Amino acid sequence: MLVQRFMEGTAIVLSAAALALIFAPEMAILRLAIEPVTAAIPLAELYGAALFGLALTAWFARTMLLGGIYGKAVVAGGFGHSLVGAFALIHAIRASSGNALLWGACTVYALLAVGFSALMFGSGPKAAREERFL
């Protein structure tokens, strides 16, 4: 149940960011304190499309058996994305003034990386215990 809630939360967070980047890339770029040059807008939309794809993957995988060797492709994709995203945002914070949106995004990515690492490197799902009556 906890894994299902984690994947649902992941899907909701990623889809919210994706929709902002797809439908309002100029505003999203300005919030990150980046100059909205013409080349950055299609890149923001493409990143939003990639986030939307990951959100759909997380949403449809929420009822799958995940962790350990189960659902390895879904978990590895989420782990890779969130870990690299966290490091990229740390680098962006160090290179800029580090506004609140960057810190918030970095926190979300770090939490996703911790969650996906627990799924990827953990022991995996446990089978339901059978109750035996003697």
Protein backbone atom coordinates (compact mmCIF):
# COMPACT_ATOMS: atom_id res chain seq x y z
CA MET A 1 0.00 0.00 0.00
CA LEU A 2 2.87 2.36 0.80
CA VAL A 3 4.47 1.73 -2.60
CA GLN A 4 1.16 2.47 -4.32
CA ARG A 5 0.83 5.81 -2.49
CA PHE A 6 4.45 6.67 -3.32
CA MET A 7 3.88 6.01 -7.03
CA GLU A 8 0.62 7.98 -6.98
CA GLY A 9 2.37 10.92 -5.33
CA THR A 10 5.20 10.70 -7.84
CA ALA A 11 2.74 10.74 -10.71
CA ILE A 12 0.86 13.74 -9.32
CA VAL A 13 4.00 15.80 -8.63
CA LEU A 14 5.56 15.02 -12.02
CA SER A 15 2.34 15.70 -13.92
CA ALA A 16 1.88 19.07 -12.18
CA ALA A 17 5.39 20.12 -13.19
CA ALA A 18 4.87 18.70 -16.67
CA LEU A 19 1.65 20.59 -17.29
CA ALA A 20 3.26 23.84 -16.14
CA LEU A 21 6.18 23.31 -18.51
CA ILE A 22 3.99 22.25 -21.44
CA PHE A 23 1.32 24.94 -21.23
CA ALA A 24 3.18 27.86 -19.61
CA PRO A 25 6.90 27.42 -20.35
CA GLU A 26 7.62 31.16 -20.27
CA MET A 27 6.20 31.55 -16.77
CA ALA A 28 8.00 28.43 -15.52
CA ILE A 29 11.30 29.65 -16.93
CA LEU A 30 10.84 33.09 -15.36
CA ARG A 31 10.05 31.50 -11.97
CA LEU A 32 13.40 29.72 -12.15
CA ALA A 33 15.09 33.11 -12.70
CA ILE A 34 16.23 32.12 -16.18
CA GLU A 35 16.13 34.49 -19.15
CA PRO A 36 13.36 33.13 -21.44
CA VAL A 37 15.32 33.04 -24.70
CA THR A 38 13.63 31.52 -27.72
CA ALA A 39 15.70 28.32 -27.54
CA ALA A 40 14.75 27.66 -23.90
CA ILE A 41 11.00 27.56 -24.53
CA PRO A 42 10.90 24.45 -26.76
CA LEU A 43 13.41 22.74 -24.46
CA ALA A 44 11.14 23.45 -21.48
CA GLU A 45 8.18 22.01 -23.40
CA LEU A 46 10.19 18.91 -24.33
CA TYR A 47 11.22 18.45 -20.70
CA GLY A 48 7.56 18.81 -19.75
CA ALA A 49 6.67 16.11 -22.26
CA ALA A 50 9.33 13.82 -20.75
CA LEU A 51 8.00 14.50 -17.24
CA PHE A 52 4.49 13.76 -18.44
CA GLY A 53 5.68 10.41 -19.82
CA LEU A 54 7.32 9.55 -16.50
CA ALA A 55 4.16 10.61 -14.67
CA LEU A 56 2.05 8.30 -16.84
CA THR A 57 4.50 5.47 -16.26
CA ALA A 58 4.33 6.00 -12.49
CA TRP A 59 0.53 6.22 -12.56
CA PHE A 60 0.07 2.99 -14.50
CA ALA A 61 2.75 1.20 -12.45
CA ARG A 62 1.16 2.14 -9.14
CA THR A 63 -0.71 -1.17 -8.90
CA MET A 64 2.25 -3.30 -10.01
CA LEU A 65 4.46 -5.27 -7.72
CA LEU A 66 7.50 -2.96 -7.35
CA GLY A 67 10.74 -3.30 -5.44
CA GLY A 68 13.63 -5.72 -5.48
CA ILE A 69 13.60 -7.49 -8.83
CA TYR A 70 9.96 -6.66 -9.55
CA GLY A 71 9.25 -3.72 -11.81
CA LYS A 72 12.99 -3.07 -12.15
CA ALA A 73 12.63 -1.01 -15.36
CA VAL A 74 10.07 1.36 -13.85
CA VAL A 75 11.99 1.74 -10.59
CA ALA A 76 15.37 2.17 -12.32
CA GLY A 77 13.95 4.86 -14.61
CA GLY A 78 12.46 6.77 -11.70
CA PHE A 79 15.64 6.40 -9.66
CA GLY A 80 17.90 7.57 -12.49
CA HIS A 81 15.71 10.55 -13.28
CA SER A 82 15.33 11.69 -9.69
CA LEU A 83 19.00 11.20 -8.75
CA VAL A 84 20.37 13.06 -11.77
CA GLY A 85 17.67 15.72 -11.34
CA ALA A 86 18.65 16.26 -7.70
CA PHE A 87 22.32 16.65 -8.60
CA ALA A 88 21.50 19.00 -11.49
CA LEU A 89 19.38 21.16 -9.20
CA ILE A 90 22.12 21.23 -6.56
CA HIS A 91 24.48 22.46 -9.25
CA ALA A 92 21.95 25.09 -10.36
CA ILE A 93 21.52 26.29 -6.78
CA ARG A 94 25.28 26.59 -6.30
CA ALA A 95 25.65 28.51 -9.59
CA SER A 96 22.80 30.95 -8.92
CA SER A 97 21.24 32.81 -6.06
CA GLY A 98 19.13 29.74 -5.32
CA ASN A 99 15.54 30.95 -5.23
CA ALA A 100 12.83 29.14 -3.28
CA LEU A 101 11.50 27.28 -6.32
CA LEU A 102 14.91 25.73 -7.01
CA TRP A 103 15.25 24.68 -3.37
CA GLY A 104 11.75 23.20 -3.42
CA ALA A 105 12.37 21.30 -6.64
CA CYS A 106 15.68 20.02 -5.29
CA THR A 107 13.97 18.81 -2.12
CA VAL A 108 11.27 17.02 -4.11
CA TYR A 109 13.84 15.38 -6.38
CA ALA A 110 15.94 14.30 -3.39
CA LEU A 111 12.90 12.75 -1.71
CA LEU A 112 12.00 10.94 -4.92
CA ALA A 113 15.59 9.67 -5.19
CA VAL A 114 15.44 8.33 -1.63
CA GLY A 115 12.07 6.66 -2.29
CA PHE A 116 13.15 5.07 -5.55
CA SER A 117 16.47 3.96 -4.05
CA ALA A 118 14.58 2.22 -1.25
CA LEU A 119 12.50 0.42 -3.88
CA MET A 120 15.49 -0.38 -6.07
CA PHE A 121 17.97 -1.52 -3.45
CA GLY A 122 15.55 -2.77 -0.79
CA SER A 123 14.59 -6.34 -0.15
CA GLY A 124 11.50 -6.16 -2.29
CA PRO A 125 7.86 -6.79 -1.52
CA LYS A 126 6.96 -9.26 1.17
CA ALA A 127 4.46 -12.03 0.62
CA ALA A 128 1.36 -11.91 2.75
CA ARG A 129 1.68 -14.06 5.84
CA GLU A 130 -0.66 -16.95 6.15
CA GLU A 131 -2.53 -17.19 9.36
CA ARG A 132 -2.45 -20.78 10.59
CA PHE A 133 -4.87 -21.93 13.15
CA LEU A 134 -3.82 -25.00 15.10
